[in-house]
Protein backbone atom coordinates (compact mmCIF):
# COMPACT_ATOMS: atom_id res chain seq x y z
CA MET A 1 152.75 150.60 127.79
CA LYS A 2 149.62 148.98 127.20
CA ILE A 3 148.41 152.47 125.58
CA SER A 4 151.24 152.23 122.94
CA ILE A 5 150.70 148.40 122.16
CA THR A 6 146.88 149.37 121.38
CA ILE A 7 147.78 152.08 119.17
CA SER A 8 150.58 149.96 117.59
CA ILE A 9 147.95 147.15 116.99
CA ALA A 10 145.12 149.47 115.90
CA PHE A 11 147.62 151.08 113.01
CA LEU A 12 148.82 147.73 112.29
CA VAL A 13 145.04 146.53 111.56
CA VAL A 14 144.19 149.71 109.59
CA PHE A 15 147.39 149.44 107.65
CA MET A 16 146.38 145.92 106.72
CA ALA A 17 142.61 146.59 105.65
CA GLU A 18 144.37 149.16 103.56
CA VAL A 19 146.71 146.79 101.96
CA LEU A 20 143.88 144.21 101.62
CA ILE A 21 141.63 146.32 100.04
CA ALA A 22 143.74 148.58 98.07
CA LYS A 23 142.78 148.77 94.40
CA ASP A 24 145.63 147.93 91.86
CA TYR A 25 144.86 150.45 88.78
CA VAL A 26 147.28 150.63 85.51
CA ASP A 27 146.71 153.87 83.83
CA ASN A 28 147.23 152.69 80.49
CA GLY A 29 147.86 156.19 78.98
CA ASP A 30 145.15 156.04 76.39
CA GLY A 31 141.84 156.84 77.91
CA THR A 32 141.56 153.50 79.89
CA ILE A 33 142.19 152.40 83.19
CA THR A 34 142.65 148.60 84.20
CA ASP A 35 141.67 147.00 87.32
CA ASN A 36 144.35 144.02 87.83
CA LYS A 37 142.09 142.55 90.58
CA THR A 38 139.08 142.55 88.31
CA LYS A 39 140.66 142.16 85.04
CA LEU A 40 138.13 144.98 83.73
CA THR A 41 139.11 147.83 81.66
CA TRP A 42 137.51 151.10 82.13
CA GLN A 43 136.96 154.27 80.13
CA GLN A 44 138.88 156.63 82.24
CA SER A 45 136.89 159.96 81.80
CA SER A 46 132.88 159.97 81.86
CA HIS A 47 130.39 161.35 79.69
CA LYS A 48 127.37 163.89 79.83
CA LYS A 49 124.27 162.72 81.58
CA MET A 50 121.76 160.54 79.58
CA ARG A 51 119.06 158.01 79.93
CA TRP A 52 119.78 154.45 80.56
CA GLU A 53 119.06 153.64 76.70
CA ILE A 54 121.20 155.83 75.25
CA GLY A 55 124.12 155.10 77.54
CA LYS A 56 123.90 151.46 76.54
CA VAL A 57 124.08 152.04 72.94
CA PHE A 58 126.49 154.58 73.80
CA CYS A 59 129.10 152.06 75.14
CA GLN A 60 127.87 149.64 72.96
CA LYS A 61 129.21 151.83 69.92
CA LEU A 62 132.44 153.25 71.82
CA LYS A 63 135.65 153.10 70.06
CA LEU A 64 138.54 153.68 72.75
CA ALA A 65 142.04 152.63 72.58
CA GLY A 66 141.81 150.23 69.58
CA TYR A 67 138.68 148.37 71.16
CA SER A 68 135.12 148.42 69.86
CA ASN A 69 133.65 145.87 72.65
CA TRP A 70 132.33 148.62 75.04
CA ARG A 71 129.31 147.81 77.32
CA MET A 72 127.73 149.38 80.36
CA PRO A 73 129.02 147.79 83.61
CA SER A 74 126.65 145.52 85.94
CA LYS A 75 125.96 147.21 89.37
CA ILE A 76 128.72 144.66 91.02
CA GLU A 77 131.28 145.90 88.56
CA LEU A 78 130.32 149.60 88.95
CA LEU A 79 130.81 149.01 92.64
CA SER A 80 134.03 147.87 92.67
CA LEU A 81 135.25 151.23 91.58
CA VAL A 82 133.94 152.60 94.82
CA GLU A 83 136.76 153.89 97.55
CA ARG A 84 135.00 153.74 100.70
CA SER A 85 137.37 155.71 102.16
CA MET A 86 136.72 158.47 100.20
CA PHE A 87 133.68 160.51 99.25
CA ASN A 88 132.23 163.33 97.07
CA PRO A 89 133.48 161.50 95.06
CA SER A 90 134.02 157.65 95.93
CA ILE A 91 136.71 156.72 93.28
CA ASP A 92 140.32 157.06 93.49
CA ARG A 93 140.81 160.47 91.71
CA LYS A 94 144.56 159.81 90.92
CA PHE A 95 143.30 157.21 88.19
CA PHE A 96 139.79 158.69 87.65
CA PRO A 97 140.77 162.67 87.77
CA THR A 98 137.76 164.03 86.17
CA ALA A 99 135.04 161.94 88.17
CA LYS A 100 132.33 163.71 89.81
CA ALA A 101 130.16 162.77 93.00
CA GLU A 102 127.15 162.07 90.98
CA SER A 103 125.17 158.78 89.87
CA TYR A 104 126.03 156.64 87.39
CA TRP A 105 124.02 154.08 85.19
CA SER A 106 124.64 150.37 85.72
CA GLY A 107 123.49 147.86 83.06
CA SER A 108 121.61 145.76 85.85
CA GLU A 109 117.91 146.47 85.01
CA GLY A 110 114.68 145.19 86.72
CA THR A 111 111.05 146.96 86.97
CA ILE A 112 109.22 149.46 89.28
CA SER A 113 105.79 150.46 89.26
CA ALA A 114 106.62 153.23 87.53
CA GLY A 115 107.92 151.55 84.47
CA SER A 116 111.51 149.92 83.31
CA ALA A 117 114.37 151.03 86.03
CA ALA A 118 117.90 150.07 86.41
CA TRP A 119 120.85 150.32 89.28
CA LEU A 120 122.75 153.40 89.74
CA VAL A 121 125.88 153.93 91.70
CA ASP A 122 126.17 157.04 93.47
CA PHE A 123 129.96 158.36 93.49
CA GLY A 124 129.28 160.78 96.00
CA PHE A 125 129.28 158.31 98.86
CA GLY A 126 129.06 154.75 97.26
CA ALA A 127 125.66 153.98 97.47
CA THR A 128 123.49 152.18 94.96
CA HIS A 129 119.90 153.50 93.75
CA PHE A 130 117.14 151.86 91.67
CA PHE A 131 115.80 154.38 89.12
CA ASN A 132 113.22 154.89 85.96
CA ARG A 133 115.60 154.73 82.59
CA SER A 134 114.25 157.54 81.29
CA ASN A 135 116.20 160.08 83.98
CA LYS A 136 119.44 161.20 82.93
CA TYR A 137 122.67 160.09 84.77
CA ALA A 138 126.32 159.85 83.82
CA VAL A 139 127.49 156.94 82.07
CA ARG A 140 131.17 155.12 82.55
CA CYS A 141 131.78 152.31 79.90
CA VAL A 142 133.77 148.82 80.57
CA ARG A 143 135.20 146.08 78.94
């Protein structure tokens, strides 16, 4: 009896945790996904790897789903896409089916001894990294 109750409680805790952290996405059917919790709209597909400056301009010039106010997401915004229960990639493939387990640039920048740098989110395992902006990584725009 004690084992049964323990298993039931464990199941309930796991179920409630999934409900509390569950994403609330909507596929808009126009190449964008809206996150109803953060109120952000994401570009559904990502693009070839590019340097940080090129990625930033790419997002600023993007015209998608009738909008032209796209930008590179902050590190925190990009981290909101990470699904901790998934890996390789750690993102919901139901809504982002072409997502790869690779690093994506964020608009959050800083400096390192080698020059200008920016934060990346690695969608292999959901980790963050800080790299030189001259390196090439994937970009996913947000509005």
